[in-house]
Full PDB file with SEQRES, HELIX, SHEET, SSBOND, CRYST1, ORIGX, SCALE, CONECT and MASTER records, all heavy atoms in Angstrom:
SEQRES   1 A   32  LEU LEU ALA ASN PRO ARG VAL ILE VAL GLU VAL GLY PRO          
SEQRES   2 A   32  ASP ARG PHE GLU ALA ASN ALA SER VAL ALA LYS GLY ALA          
SEQRES   3 A   32  GLU ARG ARG ARG LEU TYR                                      
HELIX    1 AA1 GLY A   25  LEU A   31  1                                   7    
SHEET    1 AA1 2 ARG A   6  VAL A  11  0                                        
SHEET    2 AA1 2 ASP A  14  ASN A  19 -1                                        
CRYST1    1.000    1.000    1.000  90.00  90.00  90.00 P 1           1          
ORIGX1      1.000000  0.000000  0.000000        0.00000                         
ORIGX2      0.000000  1.000000  0.000000        0.00000                         
ORIGX3      0.000000  0.000000  1.000000        0.00000                         
SCALE1      1.000000  0.000000  0.000000        0.00000                         
SCALE2      0.000000  1.000000  0.000000        0.00000                         
SCALE3      0.000000  0.000000  1.000000        0.00000                         
ATOM      1  N   LEU A   1       2.465  -3.716  -8.774  1.00  0.00           N  
ATOM      2  CA  LEU A   1       3.083  -3.460  -7.457  1.00  0.00           C  
ATOM      3  C   LEU A   1       3.617  -4.811  -6.730  1.00  0.00           C  
ATOM      4  O   LEU A   1       4.572  -4.783  -5.960  1.00  0.00           O  
ATOM      5  CB  LEU A   1       2.264  -2.693  -6.508  1.00  0.00           C  
ATOM      6  CG  LEU A   1       1.036  -3.430  -5.854  1.00  0.00           C  
ATOM      7  CD1 LEU A   1       1.240  -4.282  -4.685  1.00  0.00           C  
ATOM      8  CD2 LEU A   1       0.123  -2.251  -5.245  1.00  0.00           C  
ATOM      9  N   LEU A   2       3.171  -5.962  -7.269  1.00  0.00           N  
ATOM     10  CA  LEU A   2       3.745  -7.198  -6.745  1.00  0.00           C  
ATOM     11  C   LEU A   2       5.176  -7.229  -7.376  1.00  0.00           C  
ATOM     12  O   LEU A   2       6.103  -7.763  -6.657  1.00  0.00           O  
ATOM     13  CB  LEU A   2       2.862  -8.378  -7.173  1.00  0.00           C  
ATOM     14  CG  LEU A   2       1.602  -8.595  -6.519  1.00  0.00           C  
ATOM     15  CD1 LEU A   2       0.873  -9.870  -7.071  1.00  0.00           C  
ATOM     16  CD2 LEU A   2       1.800  -8.729  -5.088  1.00  0.00           C  
ATOM     17  N   ALA A   3       5.355  -6.863  -8.545  1.00  0.00           N  
ATOM     18  CA  ALA A   3       6.583  -6.883  -9.259  1.00  0.00           C  
ATOM     19  C   ALA A   3       7.607  -5.733  -8.737  1.00  0.00           C  
ATOM     20  O   ALA A   3       8.802  -6.022  -8.675  1.00  0.00           O  
ATOM     21  CB  ALA A   3       6.391  -6.804 -10.760  1.00  0.00           C  
ATOM     22  N   ASN A   4       6.901  -4.637  -8.435  1.00  0.00           N  
ATOM     23  CA  ASN A   4       7.713  -3.376  -8.076  1.00  0.00           C  
ATOM     24  C   ASN A   4       6.895  -2.757  -6.861  1.00  0.00           C  
ATOM     25  O   ASN A   4       6.195  -1.901  -7.151  1.00  0.00           O  
ATOM     26  CB  ASN A   4       7.814  -2.384  -9.210  1.00  0.00           C  
ATOM     27  CG  ASN A   4       8.455  -3.050 -10.458  1.00  0.00           C  
ATOM     28  OD1 ASN A   4       9.560  -3.454 -10.354  1.00  0.00           O  
ATOM     29  ND2 ASN A   4       7.755  -3.222 -11.520  1.00  0.00           N  
ATOM     30  N   PRO A   5       7.150  -3.183  -5.737  1.00  0.00           N  
ATOM     31  CA  PRO A   5       6.434  -2.711  -4.422  1.00  0.00           C  
ATOM     32  C   PRO A   5       6.712  -1.258  -4.077  1.00  0.00           C  
ATOM     33  O   PRO A   5       6.127  -0.719  -3.298  1.00  0.00           O  
ATOM     34  CB  PRO A   5       6.886  -3.680  -3.334  1.00  0.00           C  
ATOM     35  CG  PRO A   5       8.032  -4.282  -3.688  1.00  0.00           C  
ATOM     36  CD  PRO A   5       8.129  -4.347  -5.242  1.00  0.00           C  
ATOM     37  N   ARG A   6       7.755  -0.641  -4.655  1.00  0.00           N  
ATOM     38  CA  ARG A   6       7.949   0.827  -4.324  1.00  0.00           C  
ATOM     39  C   ARG A   6       7.005   1.604  -5.237  1.00  0.00           C  
ATOM     40  O   ARG A   6       7.144   1.417  -6.504  1.00  0.00           O  
ATOM     41  CB  ARG A   6       9.392   1.176  -4.650  1.00  0.00           C  
ATOM     42  CG  ARG A   6       9.818   2.566  -4.029  1.00  0.00           C  
ATOM     43  CD  ARG A   6       9.640   2.727  -2.512  1.00  0.00           C  
ATOM     44  NE  ARG A   6      10.339   3.782  -1.984  1.00  0.00           N  
ATOM     45  CZ  ARG A   6      11.494   3.666  -1.269  1.00  0.00           C  
ATOM     46  NH1 ARG A   6      12.092   2.502  -1.118  1.00  0.00           N  
ATOM     47  NH2 ARG A   6      12.086   4.777  -0.878  1.00  0.00           N  
ATOM     48  N   VAL A   7       6.075   2.400  -4.656  1.00  0.00           N  
ATOM     49  CA  VAL A   7       5.093   3.068  -5.441  1.00  0.00           C  
ATOM     50  C   VAL A   7       5.092   4.547  -5.051  1.00  0.00           C  
ATOM     51  O   VAL A   7       5.757   5.011  -4.132  1.00  0.00           O  
ATOM     52  CB  VAL A   7       3.677   2.466  -5.220  1.00  0.00           C  
ATOM     53  CG1 VAL A   7       3.682   1.036  -5.607  1.00  0.00           C  
ATOM     54  CG2 VAL A   7       3.324   2.570  -3.698  1.00  0.00           C  
ATOM     55  N   ILE A   8       4.351   5.287  -5.733  1.00  0.00           N  
ATOM     56  CA  ILE A   8       4.017   6.742  -5.348  1.00  0.00           C  
ATOM     57  C   ILE A   8       2.651   6.918  -5.100  1.00  0.00           C  
ATOM     58  O   ILE A   8       1.727   6.413  -5.804  1.00  0.00           O  
ATOM     59  CB  ILE A   8       4.481   7.748  -6.633  1.00  0.00           C  
ATOM     60  CG1 ILE A   8       5.952   7.530  -6.912  1.00  0.00           C  
ATOM     61  CG2 ILE A   8       4.106   9.167  -6.237  1.00  0.00           C  
ATOM     62  CD1 ILE A   8       6.438   8.290  -8.190  1.00  0.00           C  
ATOM     63  N   VAL A   9       2.365   7.668  -4.019  1.00  0.00           N  
ATOM     64  CA  VAL A   9       1.030   7.800  -3.469  1.00  0.00           C  
ATOM     65  C   VAL A   9       0.685   9.275  -3.493  1.00  0.00           C  
ATOM     66  O   VAL A   9       1.658  10.024  -2.985  1.00  0.00           O  
ATOM     67  CB  VAL A   9       0.802   7.103  -2.095  1.00  0.00           C  
ATOM     68  CG1 VAL A   9      -0.579   7.468  -1.570  1.00  0.00           C  
ATOM     69  CG2 VAL A   9       1.172   5.668  -2.104  1.00  0.00           C  
ATOM     70  N   GLU A  10      -0.387   9.709  -3.952  1.00  0.00           N  
ATOM     71  CA  GLU A  10      -0.882  11.152  -3.717  1.00  0.00           C  
ATOM     72  C   GLU A  10      -2.180  11.166  -3.100  1.00  0.00           C  
ATOM     73  O   GLU A  10      -3.126  10.415  -3.550  1.00  0.00           O  
ATOM     74  CB  GLU A  10      -0.963  11.764  -5.296  1.00  0.00           C  
ATOM     75  CG  GLU A  10       0.280  11.866  -5.969  1.00  0.00           C  
ATOM     76  CD  GLU A  10       0.051  12.210  -7.487  1.00  0.00           C  
ATOM     77  OE1 GLU A  10      -0.377  13.342  -7.637  1.00  0.00           O  
ATOM     78  OE2 GLU A  10       0.380  11.357  -8.347  1.00  0.00           O  
ATOM     79  N   VAL A  11      -2.204  11.747  -1.975  1.00  0.00           N  
ATOM     80  CA  VAL A  11      -3.399  11.826  -1.172  1.00  0.00           C  
ATOM     81  C   VAL A  11      -3.604  13.473  -0.931  1.00  0.00           C  
ATOM     82  O   VAL A  11      -2.764  14.055  -0.314  1.00  0.00           O  
ATOM     83  CB  VAL A  11      -3.269  11.153   0.197  1.00  0.00           C  
ATOM     84  CG1 VAL A  11      -4.636  11.368   1.041  1.00  0.00           C  
ATOM     85  CG2 VAL A  11      -2.993   9.656  -0.014  1.00  0.00           C  
ATOM     86  N   GLY A  12      -4.824  14.002  -1.428  1.00  0.00           N  
ATOM     87  CA  GLY A  12      -4.924  15.353  -1.244  1.00  0.00           C  
ATOM     88  C   GLY A  12      -3.716  15.990  -2.062  1.00  0.00           C  
ATOM     89  O   GLY A  12      -3.249  15.577  -3.077  1.00  0.00           O  
ATOM     90  N   PRO A  13      -3.155  17.043  -1.398  1.00  0.00           N  
ATOM     91  CA  PRO A  13      -2.009  17.803  -2.065  1.00  0.00           C  
ATOM     92  C   PRO A  13      -0.615  16.977  -1.658  1.00  0.00           C  
ATOM     93  O   PRO A  13       0.361  17.385  -2.305  1.00  0.00           O  
ATOM     94  CB  PRO A  13      -2.006  19.105  -1.465  1.00  0.00           C  
ATOM     95  CG  PRO A  13      -2.703  18.959  -0.108  1.00  0.00           C  
ATOM     96  CD  PRO A  13      -3.619  17.848  -0.234  1.00  0.00           C  
ATOM     97  N   ASP A  14      -0.687  15.996  -0.917  1.00  0.00           N  
ATOM     98  CA  ASP A  14       0.492  15.259  -0.432  1.00  0.00           C  
ATOM     99  C   ASP A  14       0.971  14.154  -1.450  1.00  0.00           C  
ATOM    100  O   ASP A  14       0.150  13.372  -1.881  1.00  0.00           O  
ATOM    101  CB  ASP A  14       0.271  14.664   0.915  1.00  0.00           C  
ATOM    102  CG  ASP A  14       1.459  14.226   1.727  1.00  0.00           C  
ATOM    103  OD1 ASP A  14       2.639  14.723   1.255  1.00  0.00           O  
ATOM    104  OD2 ASP A  14       1.331  13.434   2.593  1.00  0.00           O  
ATOM    105  N   ARG A  15       2.213  14.131  -1.726  1.00  0.00           N  
ATOM    106  CA  ARG A  15       2.713  13.146  -2.758  1.00  0.00           C  
ATOM    107  C   ARG A  15       3.944  12.562  -2.148  1.00  0.00           C  
ATOM    108  O   ARG A  15       4.804  13.253  -1.708  1.00  0.00           O  
ATOM    109  CB  ARG A  15       3.105  13.809  -3.962  1.00  0.00           C  
ATOM    110  CG  ARG A  15       3.596  12.932  -5.216  1.00  0.00           C  
ATOM    111  CD  ARG A  15       3.848  13.644  -6.420  1.00  0.00           C  
ATOM    112  NE  ARG A  15       3.920  12.846  -7.594  1.00  0.00           N  
ATOM    113  CZ  ARG A  15       5.044  12.154  -8.087  1.00  0.00           C  
ATOM    114  NH1 ARG A  15       6.212  12.397  -7.394  1.00  0.00           N  
ATOM    115  NH2 ARG A  15       5.046  11.473  -9.095  1.00  0.00           N  
ATOM    116  N   PHE A  16       4.091  11.203  -2.010  1.00  0.00           N  
ATOM    117  CA  PHE A  16       5.192  10.638  -1.414  1.00  0.00           C  
ATOM    118  C   PHE A  16       5.409   9.214  -1.928  1.00  0.00           C  
ATOM    119  O   PHE A  16       4.494   8.572  -2.388  1.00  0.00           O  
ATOM    120  CB  PHE A  16       4.984  10.550   0.095  1.00  0.00           C  
ATOM    121  CG  PHE A  16       3.768   9.737   0.506  1.00  0.00           C  
ATOM    122  CD1 PHE A  16       3.710   8.458   0.874  1.00  0.00           C  
ATOM    123  CD2 PHE A  16       2.520  10.456   0.613  1.00  0.00           C  
ATOM    124  CE1 PHE A  16       2.534   7.872   1.274  1.00  0.00           C  
ATOM    125  CE2 PHE A  16       1.317   9.792   1.142  1.00  0.00           C  
ATOM    126  CZ  PHE A  16       1.373   8.533   1.305  1.00  0.00           C  
ATOM    127  N   GLU A  17       6.676   8.636  -1.745  1.00  0.00           N  
ATOM    128  CA  GLU A  17       6.987   7.268  -2.084  1.00  0.00           C  
ATOM    129  C   GLU A  17       6.537   6.487  -0.934  1.00  0.00           C  
ATOM    130  O   GLU A  17       6.607   6.868   0.217  1.00  0.00           O  
ATOM    131  CB  GLU A  17       8.478   7.135  -2.363  1.00  0.00           C  
ATOM    132  CG  GLU A  17       8.974   7.633  -3.596  1.00  0.00           C  
ATOM    133  CD  GLU A  17      10.406   7.431  -3.912  1.00  0.00           C  
ATOM    134  OE1 GLU A  17      10.972   6.507  -3.307  1.00  0.00           O  
ATOM    135  OE2 GLU A  17      10.866   7.763  -4.967  1.00  0.00           O  
ATOM    136  N   ALA A  18       6.019   5.242  -1.278  1.00  0.00           N  
ATOM    137  CA  ALA A  18       5.659   4.293  -0.249  1.00  0.00           C  
ATOM    138  C   ALA A  18       6.105   2.799  -0.734  1.00  0.00           C  
ATOM    139  O   ALA A  18       6.294   2.489  -1.823  1.00  0.00           O  
ATOM    140  CB  ALA A  18       4.091   4.324  -0.258  1.00  0.00           C  
ATOM    141  N   ASN A  19       6.052   1.880   0.324  1.00  0.00           N  
ATOM    142  CA  ASN A  19       6.258   0.599   0.038  1.00  0.00           C  
ATOM    143  C   ASN A  19       4.932  -0.101   0.243  1.00  0.00           C  
ATOM    144  O   ASN A  19       4.132   0.137   1.167  1.00  0.00           O  
ATOM    145  CB  ASN A  19       7.212   0.069   1.130  1.00  0.00           C  
ATOM    146  CG  ASN A  19       8.593   0.657   0.943  1.00  0.00           C  
ATOM    147  OD1 ASN A  19       9.165   0.699  -0.159  1.00  0.00           O  
ATOM    148  ND2 ASN A  19       9.134   1.112   2.000  1.00  0.00           N  
ATOM    149  N   ALA A  20       4.665  -0.871  -0.777  1.00  0.00           N  
ATOM    150  CA  ALA A  20       3.360  -1.648  -0.751  1.00  0.00           C  
ATOM    151  C   ALA A  20       3.526  -3.021  -0.273  1.00  0.00           C  
ATOM    152  O   ALA A  20       4.562  -3.734  -0.740  1.00  0.00           O  
ATOM    153  CB  ALA A  20       2.775  -1.580  -2.191  1.00  0.00           C  
ATOM    154  N   SER A  21       2.689  -3.485   0.524  1.00  0.00           N  
ATOM    155  CA  SER A  21       2.766  -4.964   0.985  1.00  0.00           C  
ATOM    156  C   SER A  21       1.331  -5.384   1.078  1.00  0.00           C  
ATOM    157  O   SER A  21       0.275  -4.747   1.337  1.00  0.00           O  
ATOM    158  CB  SER A  21       3.385  -5.048   2.376  1.00  0.00           C  
ATOM    159  OG  SER A  21       2.565  -4.429   3.275  1.00  0.00           O  
ATOM    160  N   VAL A  22       1.150  -6.750   0.869  1.00  0.00           N  
ATOM    161  CA  VAL A  22      -0.156  -7.331   0.885  1.00  0.00           C  
ATOM    162  C   VAL A  22      -0.458  -7.879   2.240  1.00  0.00           C  
ATOM    163  O   VAL A  22       0.217  -8.719   2.792  1.00  0.00           O  
ATOM    164  CB  VAL A  22      -0.264  -8.508  -0.217  1.00  0.00           C  
ATOM    165  CG1 VAL A  22      -1.633  -9.123  -0.345  1.00  0.00           C  
ATOM    166  CG2 VAL A  22       0.173  -7.872  -1.574  1.00  0.00           C  
ATOM    167  N   ALA A  23      -1.674  -7.473   2.765  1.00  0.00           N  
ATOM    168  CA  ALA A  23      -1.984  -7.875   4.021  1.00  0.00           C  
ATOM    169  C   ALA A  23      -2.459  -9.380   4.001  1.00  0.00           C  
ATOM    170  O   ALA A  23      -3.028  -9.869   2.870  1.00  0.00           O  
ATOM    171  CB  ALA A  23      -3.209  -7.089   4.595  1.00  0.00           C  
ATOM    172  N   LYS A  24      -2.198 -10.104   4.900  1.00  0.00           N  
ATOM    173  CA  LYS A  24      -2.564 -11.593   4.972  1.00  0.00           C  
ATOM    174  C   LYS A  24      -3.491 -11.921   6.158  1.00  0.00           C  
ATOM    175  O   LYS A  24      -3.518 -11.179   7.138  1.00  0.00           O  
ATOM    176  CB  LYS A  24      -1.276 -12.510   4.964  1.00  0.00           C  
ATOM    177  CG  LYS A  24      -0.333 -12.215   3.904  1.00  0.00           C  
ATOM    178  CD  LYS A  24      -0.877 -12.764   2.566  1.00  0.00           C  
ATOM    179  CE  LYS A  24       0.217 -12.643   1.555  1.00  0.00           C  
ATOM    180  NZ  LYS A  24      -0.381 -12.857   0.302  1.00  0.00           N  
ATOM    181  N   GLY A  25      -4.217 -13.026   6.051  1.00  0.00           N  
ATOM    182  CA  GLY A  25      -4.951 -13.637   7.147  1.00  0.00           C  
ATOM    183  C   GLY A  25      -6.007 -12.777   7.808  1.00  0.00           C  
ATOM    184  O   GLY A  25      -6.768 -12.001   7.190  1.00  0.00           O  
ATOM    185  N   ALA A  26      -5.851 -12.742   9.069  1.00  0.00           N  
ATOM    186  CA  ALA A  26      -6.792 -11.966  10.084  1.00  0.00           C  
ATOM    187  C   ALA A  26      -6.597 -10.491   9.755  1.00  0.00           C  
ATOM    188  O   ALA A  26      -7.661  -9.801   9.760  1.00  0.00           O  
ATOM    189  CB  ALA A  26      -6.680 -12.306  11.449  1.00  0.00           C  
ATOM    190  N   GLU A  27      -5.415 -10.046   9.478  1.00  0.00           N  
ATOM    191  CA  GLU A  27      -5.152  -8.630   9.334  1.00  0.00           C  
ATOM    192  C   GLU A  27      -5.809  -8.184   7.906  1.00  0.00           C  
ATOM    193  O   GLU A  27      -6.532  -7.128   7.868  1.00  0.00           O  
ATOM    194  CB  GLU A  27      -3.683  -8.271   9.257  1.00  0.00           C  
ATOM    195  CG  GLU A  27      -3.404  -6.929   8.870  1.00  0.00           C  
ATOM    196  CD  GLU A  27      -3.762  -5.865   9.960  1.00  0.00           C  
ATOM    197  OE1 GLU A  27      -4.455  -6.146  10.971  1.00  0.00           O  
ATOM    198  OE2 GLU A  27      -3.357  -4.670   9.736  1.00  0.00           O  
ATOM    199  N   ARG A  28      -5.771  -8.949   6.909  1.00  0.00           N  
ATOM    200  CA  ARG A  28      -6.302  -8.687   5.614  1.00  0.00           C  
ATOM    201  C   ARG A  28      -7.970  -8.567   5.745  1.00  0.00           C  
ATOM    202  O   ARG A  28      -8.541  -7.796   5.402  1.00  0.00           O  
ATOM    203  CB  ARG A  28      -6.108  -9.928   4.569  1.00  0.00           C  
ATOM    204  CG  ARG A  28      -6.813  -9.604   3.221  1.00  0.00           C  
ATOM    205  CD  ARG A  28      -7.309 -10.961   2.640  1.00  0.00           C  
ATOM    206  NE  ARG A  28      -8.343 -10.631   1.642  1.00  0.00           N  
ATOM    207  CZ  ARG A  28      -9.605 -10.582   1.941  1.00  0.00           C  
ATOM    208  NH1 ARG A  28     -10.159 -10.816   3.133  1.00  0.00           N  
ATOM    209  NH2 ARG A  28     -10.410 -10.246   1.014  1.00  0.00           N  
ATOM    210  N   ARG A  29      -8.472  -9.529   6.561  1.00  0.00           N  
ATOM    211  CA  ARG A  29      -9.968  -9.566   6.799  1.00  0.00           C  
ATOM    212  C   ARG A  29     -10.392  -8.277   7.570  1.00  0.00           C  
ATOM    213  O   ARG A  29     -11.283  -7.721   7.294  1.00  0.00           O  
ATOM    214  CB  ARG A  29     -10.320 -10.785   7.702  1.00  0.00           C  
ATOM    215  CG  ARG A  29     -11.788 -10.979   7.953  1.00  0.00           C  
ATOM    216  CD  ARG A  29     -12.560 -11.532   6.672  1.00  0.00           C  
ATOM    217  NE  ARG A  29     -13.270 -10.460   6.046  1.00  0.00           N  
ATOM    218  CZ  ARG A  29     -13.592 -10.508   4.705  1.00  0.00           C  
ATOM    219  NH1 ARG A  29     -13.559 -11.561   4.061  1.00  0.00           N  
ATOM    220  NH2 ARG A  29     -14.317  -9.495   4.109  1.00  0.00           N  
ATOM    221  N   ARG A  30      -9.617  -7.945   8.608  1.00  0.00           N  
ATOM    222  CA  ARG A  30      -9.920  -6.733   9.399  1.00  0.00           C  
ATOM    223  C   ARG A  30      -9.913  -5.431   8.547  1.00  0.00           C  
ATOM    224  O   ARG A  30     -10.874  -4.713   8.644  1.00  0.00           O  
ATOM    225  CB  ARG A  30      -8.939  -6.672  10.591  1.00  0.00           C  
ATOM    226  CG  ARG A  30      -9.190  -5.562  11.568  1.00  0.00           C  
ATOM    227  CD  ARG A  30      -8.157  -5.323  12.582  1.00  0.00           C  
ATOM    228  NE  ARG A  30      -6.964  -4.776  12.061  1.00  0.00           N  
ATOM    229  CZ  ARG A  30      -6.759  -3.434  11.792  1.00  0.00           C  
ATOM    230  NH1 ARG A  30      -7.665  -2.585  11.977  1.00  0.00           N  
ATOM    231  NH2 ARG A  30      -5.554  -3.102  11.310  1.00  0.00           N  
ATOM    232  N   LEU A  31      -8.914  -5.338   7.726  1.00  0.00           N  
ATOM    233  CA  LEU A  31      -8.873  -4.176   6.917  1.00  0.00           C  
ATOM    234  C   LEU A  31      -9.938  -4.170   5.861  1.00  0.00           C  
ATOM    235  O   LEU A  31     -10.548  -3.110   5.530  1.00  0.00           O  
ATOM    236  CB  LEU A  31      -7.382  -4.090   6.201  1.00  0.00           C  
ATOM    237  CG  LEU A  31      -6.212  -3.840   7.200  1.00  0.00           C  
ATOM    238  CD1 LEU A  31      -4.884  -3.867   6.577  1.00  0.00           C  
ATOM    239  CD2 LEU A  31      -6.362  -2.601   7.972  1.00  0.00           C  
ATOM    240  N   TYR A  32     -10.191  -5.369   5.233  1.00  0.00           N  
ATOM    241  CA  TYR A  32     -11.197  -5.341   4.229  1.00  0.00           C  
ATOM    242  C   TYR A  32     -12.565  -4.937   4.856  1.00  0.00           C  
ATOM    243  O   TYR A  32     -13.285  -4.117   4.265  1.00  0.00           O  
ATOM    244  CB  TYR A  32     -11.395  -6.736   3.595  1.00  0.00           C  
ATOM    245  CG  TYR A  32     -12.163  -6.886   2.328  1.00  0.00           C  
ATOM    246  CD1 TYR A  32     -11.555  -6.766   1.106  1.00  0.00           C  
ATOM    247  CD2 TYR A  32     -13.550  -6.774   2.460  1.00  0.00           C  
ATOM    248  CE1 TYR A  32     -12.331  -6.698  -0.112  1.00  0.00           C  
ATOM    249  CE2 TYR A  32     -14.331  -6.797   1.305  1.00  0.00           C  
ATOM    250  CZ  TYR A  32     -13.732  -6.731   0.037  1.00  0.00           C  
ATOM    251  OH  TYR A  32     -14.515  -6.621  -1.027  1.00  0.00           O  
TER     252      TYR A  32                                                      
MASTER        0    0    0    1    2    0    0    6  251    1    0    3          
END                                                                             
């Protein structure tokens, strides 16, 4: 996904295209 950040996500019965981005700094820590 670093090379190709456009991904497909399936959650439950829902399927959609998504953009992947890497969280940084304080936001990364909060989410982790």
